[in-house]
Amino acid sequence: MKNKIFVTSKHPCTPNYIPSELKGCLSVIDEYEVIKRTQKGYRLRVSYSQEKGSMFLDEHYAFFKTYESALIFVASEANKVALKLEKTKQKAVKLMILANDELRKVKGGL
C-alpha cells in the first residue's frame, strides 16, 4: 500500500482570497504519495516528477493523514476569515453611521 497524505496551504483562504469550491482545477486539498519525510517537509510524488518528486515545506503547507482532518482544518481557517470579515464589516457600518450622523448635523446647521 502506498503512503498517501493530504496537503493544503497553511492559509487555504484569506480575507482577500476565498476559493469558490473545494474541488476543481485549483483544489484546496490535494492527495499525494509520500516519497520521504525530511526535516523541512515532505518530498511528494507529483505528476511532472514521478521519480524525484517535489518538496512541500512545512512553513507553507499543512499535512494530514486523512481527508476528514484536512476538511476540519480548512473549515476552521474559513471560520477565522469569516470572523475577521465580520469585524471589518462592523467597523465599516460604524463609520457609515458616524458619517451619516455628521451629515445630518451639517445639513441641519445650514
Protein backbone atom coordinates (compact mmCIF):
# COMPACT_ATOMS: atom_id res chain seq x y z
CA MET A 1 0.00 0.00 0.00
CA LYS A 2 1.31 3.42 -0.95
CA ASN A 3 1.71 6.03 1.78
CA LYS A 4 -0.71 8.86 0.92
CA ILE A 5 -1.01 12.27 2.51
CA PHE A 6 -3.45 15.16 2.14
CA VAL A 7 -1.94 18.60 1.61
CA THR A 8 -3.35 22.10 1.82
CA SER A 9 -1.88 25.55 2.10
CA LYS A 10 -1.24 26.80 5.65
CA HIS A 11 -3.67 29.57 4.73
CA PRO A 12 -6.25 27.99 2.37
CA CYS A 13 -8.28 31.21 2.44
CA THR A 14 -7.63 34.81 3.41
CA PRO A 15 -9.78 37.94 3.60
CA ASN A 16 -8.52 38.76 0.09
CA TYR A 17 -8.89 35.26 -1.41
CA ILE A 18 -11.64 32.76 -0.67
CA PRO A 19 -11.82 29.74 -3.00
CA SER A 20 -15.25 29.28 -4.52
CA GLU A 21 -15.15 25.49 -4.18
CA LEU A 22 -13.13 22.71 -2.55
CA LYS A 23 -12.59 20.71 -5.72
CA GLY A 24 -11.93 21.85 -9.24
CA CYS A 25 -8.99 23.00 -11.32
CA LEU A 26 -7.46 24.65 -8.21
CA SER A 27 -8.27 22.16 -5.47
CA VAL A 28 -7.98 23.33 -1.86
CA ILE A 29 -6.92 19.87 -0.65
CA ASP A 30 -4.68 17.60 -2.71
CA GLU A 31 -3.70 13.97 -2.18
CA TYR A 32 -0.10 12.92 -2.87
CA GLU A 33 2.07 9.85 -2.45
CA VAL A 34 4.86 10.35 0.07
CA ILE A 35 8.39 9.64 -1.16
CA LYS A 36 10.02 10.63 2.12
CA ARG A 37 9.79 12.95 5.11
CA THR A 38 12.63 15.42 5.63
CA GLN A 39 13.42 17.92 8.38
CA LYS A 40 11.89 20.72 6.32
CA GLY A 41 8.82 18.97 4.96
CA TYR A 42 7.75 16.17 2.63
CA ARG A 43 9.07 15.04 -0.73
CA LEU A 44 5.91 14.07 -2.61
CA ARG A 45 5.32 12.34 -5.93
CA VAL A 46 3.78 14.78 -8.41
CA SER A 47 2.61 14.31 -12.00
CA TYR A 48 5.51 16.24 -13.51
CA SER A 49 8.20 14.49 -11.44
CA GLN A 50 7.34 10.88 -10.66
CA GLU A 51 10.88 9.78 -9.69
CA LYS A 52 12.32 12.64 -7.64
CA GLY A 53 9.07 14.26 -6.62
CA SER A 54 8.72 17.80 -5.34
CA MET A 55 9.36 19.34 -1.92
CA PHE A 56 6.44 20.66 0.09
CA LEU A 57 7.79 22.69 3.01
CA ASP A 58 6.24 22.71 6.49
CA GLU A 59 6.37 26.50 6.51
CA HIS A 60 3.98 26.73 3.54
CA TYR A 61 1.78 23.63 3.75
CA ALA A 62 -0.29 21.70 6.27
CA PHE A 63 -0.21 17.88 6.04
CA PHE A 64 -2.91 15.44 7.12
CA LYS A 65 -3.22 11.67 7.28
CA THR A 66 -6.95 11.73 6.48
CA TYR A 67 -9.17 13.77 4.17
CA GLU A 68 -11.52 14.35 7.09
CA SER A 69 -8.82 16.04 9.20
CA ALA A 70 -7.85 18.23 6.22
CA LEU A 71 -11.50 19.27 5.82
CA ILE A 72 -11.71 20.17 9.52
CA PHE A 73 -8.60 22.35 9.13
CA VAL A 74 -9.98 24.14 6.03
CA ALA A 75 -13.33 24.73 7.77
CA SER A 76 -11.54 26.15 10.81
CA GLU A 77 -9.43 28.50 8.67
CA ALA A 78 -12.53 29.63 6.74
CA ASN A 79 -14.27 30.36 10.05
CA LYS A 80 -11.31 32.52 11.17
CA VAL A 81 -11.51 34.51 7.93
CA ALA A 82 -15.29 34.89 8.32
CA LEU A 83 -14.78 36.33 11.82
CA LYS A 84 -12.17 38.80 10.52
CA LEU A 85 -14.52 39.87 7.74
CA GLU A 86 -17.40 40.27 10.19
CA LYS A 87 -15.28 42.55 12.40
CA THR A 88 -14.28 44.57 9.33
CA LYS A 89 -17.94 44.85 8.31
CA GLN A 90 -18.87 46.07 11.80
CA LYS A 91 -16.16 48.76 11.64
CA ALA A 92 -17.38 49.89 8.21
CA VAL A 93 -21.00 50.07 9.40
CA LYS A 94 -19.94 52.10 12.46
CA LEU A 95 -18.04 54.54 10.22
CA MET A 96 -21.05 54.81 7.90
CA ILE A 97 -23.32 55.63 10.86
CA LEU A 98 -20.88 58.26 12.16
CA ALA A 99 -20.63 59.84 8.71
CA ASN A 100 -24.43 59.91 8.31
CA ASP A 101 -24.84 61.44 11.79
CA GLU A 102 -22.27 64.10 10.93
CA LEU A 103 -24.02 64.72 7.61
CA ARG A 104 -27.33 65.32 9.43
CA LYS A 105 -25.59 67.83 11.72
CA VAL A 106 -24.04 69.64 8.76
CA LYS A 107 -27.33 69.74 6.82
CA GLY A 108 -29.27 70.81 9.92
CA GLY A 109 -26.87 73.70 10.57
CA LEU A 110 -27.50 75.27 7.15
